[in-house]
N, C-alpha and C. Protein backbone atom coordinates (compact mmCIF):
# COMPACT_ATOMS: atom_id res chain seq x y z
N MET A 1 5.36 11.16 -7.03
CA MET A 1 5.08 11.35 -8.43
C MET A 1 3.59 11.06 -8.66
N LYS A 2 2.95 11.87 -9.46
CA LYS A 2 1.52 11.68 -9.72
C LYS A 2 1.31 10.91 -11.01
N GLN A 3 0.48 9.90 -10.91
CA GLN A 3 0.05 9.15 -12.08
C GLN A 3 -1.41 9.51 -12.33
N LYS A 4 -1.80 9.59 -13.59
CA LYS A 4 -3.19 9.85 -13.95
C LYS A 4 -3.74 8.61 -14.61
N ILE A 5 -4.82 8.09 -14.03
CA ILE A 5 -5.41 6.84 -14.50
C ILE A 5 -6.82 7.10 -15.03
N PRO A 6 -7.06 6.85 -16.33
CA PRO A 6 -8.42 6.99 -16.85
C PRO A 6 -9.25 5.76 -16.49
N LEU A 7 -10.47 5.98 -16.04
CA LEU A 7 -11.35 4.90 -15.63
C LEU A 7 -12.75 5.11 -16.19
N TYR A 8 -13.46 4.01 -16.35
CA TYR A 8 -14.89 4.05 -16.65
C TYR A 8 -15.58 3.38 -15.46
N VAL A 9 -16.54 4.06 -14.85
CA VAL A 9 -17.20 3.49 -13.68
C VAL A 9 -18.68 3.23 -13.97
N GLN A 10 -19.18 2.18 -13.34
CA GLN A 10 -20.59 1.81 -13.46
C GLN A 10 -21.18 1.75 -12.06
N PRO A 11 -21.87 2.81 -11.63
CA PRO A 11 -22.48 2.80 -10.30
C PRO A 11 -23.73 1.92 -10.26
N GLY A 12 -24.13 1.53 -9.06
CA GLY A 12 -25.35 0.75 -8.88
C GLY A 12 -25.20 -0.72 -9.23
N ALA A 13 -23.99 -1.24 -9.21
CA ALA A 13 -23.75 -2.66 -9.53
C ALA A 13 -24.01 -3.53 -8.30
N ARG A 14 -24.00 -4.84 -8.48
CA ARG A 14 -24.20 -5.77 -7.36
C ARG A 14 -23.09 -5.68 -6.33
N LYS A 15 -21.85 -5.52 -6.84
CA LYS A 15 -20.72 -5.38 -5.92
C LYS A 15 -19.65 -4.51 -6.57
N THR A 16 -18.75 -4.02 -5.75
CA THR A 16 -17.66 -3.18 -6.23
C THR A 16 -16.50 -4.07 -6.64
N GLU A 17 -16.07 -3.91 -7.92
CA GLU A 17 -15.01 -4.76 -8.44
C GLU A 17 -14.46 -4.22 -9.75
N PHE A 18 -13.26 -4.67 -10.10
CA PHE A 18 -12.70 -4.44 -11.43
C PHE A 18 -13.51 -5.30 -12.39
N ALA A 19 -13.91 -4.74 -13.53
CA ALA A 19 -14.79 -5.47 -14.44
C ALA A 19 -14.30 -5.45 -15.89
N GLY A 20 -13.00 -5.51 -16.09
CA GLY A 20 -12.48 -5.56 -17.44
C GLY A 20 -12.19 -4.17 -17.98
N TYR A 21 -12.44 -4.01 -19.28
CA TYR A 21 -12.12 -2.74 -19.94
C TYR A 21 -13.32 -2.27 -20.74
N PHE A 22 -13.45 -0.96 -20.86
CA PHE A 22 -14.51 -0.36 -21.66
C PHE A 22 -13.93 0.89 -22.30
N ASP A 23 -14.04 0.99 -23.59
CA ASP A 23 -13.59 2.18 -24.32
C ASP A 23 -12.11 2.49 -24.04
N GLY A 24 -11.30 1.44 -23.90
CA GLY A 24 -9.87 1.61 -23.68
C GLY A 24 -9.47 1.99 -22.26
N LYS A 25 -10.42 1.94 -21.33
CA LYS A 25 -10.15 2.31 -19.94
C LYS A 25 -10.51 1.13 -19.03
N MET A 26 -9.87 1.08 -17.86
CA MET A 26 -10.26 0.08 -16.88
C MET A 26 -11.69 0.39 -16.44
N LYS A 27 -12.51 -0.65 -16.33
CA LYS A 27 -13.89 -0.48 -15.90
C LYS A 27 -14.01 -0.95 -14.45
N ILE A 28 -14.58 -0.10 -13.62
CA ILE A 28 -14.80 -0.42 -12.21
C ILE A 28 -16.31 -0.38 -11.95
N LYS A 29 -16.85 -1.49 -11.49
CA LYS A 29 -18.26 -1.52 -11.06
C LYS A 29 -18.31 -1.09 -9.60
N LEU A 30 -19.27 -0.23 -9.29
CA LEU A 30 -19.43 0.29 -7.93
C LEU A 30 -20.81 -0.05 -7.41
N LYS A 31 -20.88 -0.57 -6.21
CA LYS A 31 -22.16 -0.90 -5.59
C LYS A 31 -22.95 0.36 -5.26
N ALA A 32 -22.27 1.41 -4.89
CA ALA A 32 -22.93 2.66 -4.48
C ALA A 32 -23.67 3.29 -5.66
N PRO A 33 -24.79 3.95 -5.38
CA PRO A 33 -25.51 4.66 -6.43
C PRO A 33 -24.81 5.96 -6.80
N ALA A 34 -25.14 6.47 -7.96
CA ALA A 34 -24.56 7.74 -8.42
C ALA A 34 -25.38 8.91 -7.85
N GLN A 35 -25.45 8.98 -6.54
CA GLN A 35 -26.21 10.04 -5.87
C GLN A 35 -25.38 10.59 -4.73
N GLU A 36 -25.43 11.89 -4.56
CA GLU A 36 -24.80 12.56 -3.42
C GLU A 36 -23.34 12.16 -3.24
N ASN A 37 -22.63 12.00 -4.35
CA ASN A 37 -21.19 11.72 -4.34
C ASN A 37 -20.83 10.34 -3.76
N LYS A 38 -21.82 9.48 -3.55
CA LYS A 38 -21.56 8.16 -2.95
C LYS A 38 -20.68 7.29 -3.84
N ALA A 39 -20.94 7.28 -5.14
CA ALA A 39 -20.15 6.45 -6.05
C ALA A 39 -18.70 6.95 -6.11
N ASN A 40 -18.50 8.25 -6.15
CA ASN A 40 -17.14 8.79 -6.17
C ASN A 40 -16.38 8.40 -4.90
N GLN A 41 -17.04 8.49 -3.77
CA GLN A 41 -16.39 8.13 -2.51
C GLN A 41 -16.05 6.64 -2.48
N GLU A 42 -16.96 5.82 -2.99
CA GLU A 42 -16.69 4.38 -3.02
C GLU A 42 -15.53 4.06 -3.97
N LEU A 43 -15.43 4.80 -5.08
CA LEU A 43 -14.31 4.61 -6.00
C LEU A 43 -12.99 4.92 -5.30
N ILE A 44 -12.93 6.03 -4.58
CA ILE A 44 -11.71 6.39 -3.84
C ILE A 44 -11.39 5.32 -2.79
N ASP A 45 -12.41 4.86 -2.06
CA ASP A 45 -12.20 3.81 -1.05
C ASP A 45 -11.65 2.53 -1.70
N PHE A 46 -12.24 2.12 -2.81
CA PHE A 46 -11.83 0.91 -3.52
C PHE A 46 -10.38 1.02 -3.99
N LEU A 47 -10.04 2.15 -4.62
CA LEU A 47 -8.68 2.33 -5.13
C LEU A 47 -7.66 2.40 -3.99
N ALA A 48 -7.99 3.09 -2.92
CA ALA A 48 -7.07 3.19 -1.78
C ALA A 48 -6.80 1.80 -1.20
N GLN A 49 -7.84 0.99 -1.09
CA GLN A 49 -7.68 -0.36 -0.55
C GLN A 49 -6.83 -1.22 -1.50
N ARG A 50 -7.13 -1.18 -2.78
CA ARG A 50 -6.39 -1.99 -3.76
C ARG A 50 -4.93 -1.58 -3.86
N LEU A 51 -4.67 -0.27 -3.77
CA LEU A 51 -3.31 0.23 -3.94
C LEU A 51 -2.54 0.30 -2.62
N ALA A 52 -3.24 0.05 -1.51
CA ALA A 52 -2.64 0.12 -0.17
C ALA A 52 -2.02 1.49 0.09
N ILE A 53 -2.80 2.53 -0.24
CA ILE A 53 -2.37 3.90 0.01
C ILE A 53 -3.49 4.64 0.72
N SER A 54 -3.18 5.82 1.21
CA SER A 54 -4.17 6.65 1.89
C SER A 54 -5.15 7.26 0.89
N LYS A 55 -6.38 7.44 1.31
CA LYS A 55 -7.38 8.09 0.46
C LYS A 55 -6.96 9.50 0.08
N SER A 56 -6.17 10.14 0.94
CA SER A 56 -5.73 11.51 0.65
C SER A 56 -4.73 11.56 -0.51
N GLN A 57 -4.22 10.41 -0.92
CA GLN A 57 -3.30 10.35 -2.06
C GLN A 57 -4.03 10.18 -3.39
N LEU A 58 -5.35 10.17 -3.35
CA LEU A 58 -6.17 9.99 -4.54
C LEU A 58 -7.08 11.19 -4.73
N ALA A 59 -7.29 11.56 -5.99
CA ALA A 59 -8.22 12.65 -6.30
C ALA A 59 -8.82 12.42 -7.68
N ILE A 60 -10.13 12.60 -7.77
CA ILE A 60 -10.79 12.55 -9.08
C ILE A 60 -10.60 13.93 -9.69
N ILE A 61 -9.85 13.99 -10.79
CA ILE A 61 -9.54 15.30 -11.38
C ILE A 61 -10.37 15.60 -12.62
N GLN A 62 -11.04 14.60 -13.16
CA GLN A 62 -11.98 14.80 -14.26
C GLN A 62 -13.12 13.82 -14.10
N GLY A 63 -14.33 14.26 -14.46
CA GLY A 63 -15.47 13.36 -14.48
C GLY A 63 -16.20 13.20 -13.16
N LEU A 64 -16.22 14.23 -12.34
CA LEU A 64 -16.90 14.11 -11.05
C LEU A 64 -18.37 13.72 -11.18
N THR A 65 -19.02 14.13 -12.27
CA THR A 65 -20.45 13.82 -12.43
C THR A 65 -20.73 12.85 -13.57
N GLY A 66 -19.70 12.27 -14.15
CA GLY A 66 -19.89 11.34 -15.26
C GLY A 66 -19.28 9.98 -14.97
N ARG A 67 -19.42 9.10 -15.93
CA ARG A 67 -18.87 7.74 -15.78
C ARG A 67 -17.41 7.66 -16.21
N HIS A 68 -17.00 8.53 -17.12
CA HIS A 68 -15.60 8.58 -17.55
C HIS A 68 -14.85 9.49 -16.59
N LYS A 69 -13.87 8.94 -15.90
CA LYS A 69 -13.16 9.69 -14.86
C LYS A 69 -11.65 9.58 -15.07
N VAL A 70 -10.93 10.55 -14.54
CA VAL A 70 -9.48 10.49 -14.45
C VAL A 70 -9.14 10.69 -12.99
N VAL A 71 -8.38 9.74 -12.45
CA VAL A 71 -7.99 9.79 -11.04
C VAL A 71 -6.48 10.04 -10.97
N ALA A 72 -6.10 11.04 -10.17
CA ALA A 72 -4.68 11.31 -9.92
C ALA A 72 -4.26 10.53 -8.68
N ILE A 73 -3.13 9.86 -8.79
CA ILE A 73 -2.61 9.04 -7.70
C ILE A 73 -1.23 9.57 -7.33
N ASP A 74 -1.12 10.09 -6.12
CA ASP A 74 0.15 10.64 -5.63
C ASP A 74 0.89 9.53 -4.88
N SER A 75 1.72 8.81 -5.61
CA SER A 75 2.38 7.64 -5.04
C SER A 75 3.65 7.34 -5.82
N VAL A 76 4.53 6.55 -5.22
CA VAL A 76 5.75 6.13 -5.92
C VAL A 76 5.48 4.94 -6.83
N LEU A 77 4.27 4.41 -6.81
CA LEU A 77 3.92 3.27 -7.66
C LEU A 77 4.00 3.65 -9.14
N SER A 78 4.50 2.73 -9.95
CA SER A 78 4.53 2.95 -11.39
C SER A 78 3.14 2.69 -11.97
N PHE A 79 2.94 3.12 -13.21
CA PHE A 79 1.67 2.89 -13.88
C PHE A 79 1.37 1.39 -13.94
N ALA A 80 2.39 0.58 -14.24
CA ALA A 80 2.20 -0.88 -14.32
C ALA A 80 1.81 -1.46 -12.96
N ASP A 81 2.44 -0.99 -11.88
CA ASP A 81 2.11 -1.47 -10.54
C ASP A 81 0.67 -1.10 -10.17
N ILE A 82 0.27 0.11 -10.52
CA ILE A 82 -1.10 0.56 -10.25
C ILE A 82 -2.09 -0.32 -11.01
N ASN A 83 -1.80 -0.53 -12.29
CA ASN A 83 -2.65 -1.37 -13.12
C ASN A 83 -2.81 -2.77 -12.52
N ASP A 84 -1.69 -3.38 -12.17
CA ASP A 84 -1.71 -4.73 -11.60
C ASP A 84 -2.51 -4.79 -10.30
N ALA A 85 -2.35 -3.79 -9.44
CA ALA A 85 -3.04 -3.78 -8.15
C ALA A 85 -4.55 -3.65 -8.32
N ILE A 86 -4.98 -2.87 -9.30
CA ILE A 86 -6.42 -2.68 -9.53
C ILE A 86 -7.03 -3.94 -10.14
N ILE A 87 -6.31 -4.57 -11.04
CA ILE A 87 -6.83 -5.73 -11.76
C ILE A 87 -6.91 -6.98 -10.89
N ARG A 88 -5.99 -7.15 -9.96
CA ARG A 88 -5.96 -8.39 -9.17
C ARG A 88 -7.28 -8.61 -8.42
N PRO A 89 -7.70 -9.87 -8.31
CA PRO A 89 -8.98 -10.14 -7.62
C PRO A 89 -8.91 -9.91 -6.13
C-alpha cells in the first residue's frame, strides 16, 4: 500500500535530522546541498534508514526542485508508524 507523506526539507544544514514541523508538514534538515540532486538522494537515504525499508520503496512524487515535497512510500507501514519512525531520534 502506498502512503503519501508531505515534507518540508532544508538542505545545507549542519546535520541530517527530523527538525519539527513547518507549514503543517514534517521538517527534515539535510546536510547535503541542493545541487545536482544531492539533497533529494540524502532525503531518500534518510527515510529508508529511518523506516527500515529499501530505497526502491520510496519516490519523490512532487517537489523535486523545491523544499515542499511529497514522498510516496510503498510499504505495509501505516501513516502513524511512518510518522513515529521519522520523528524518533
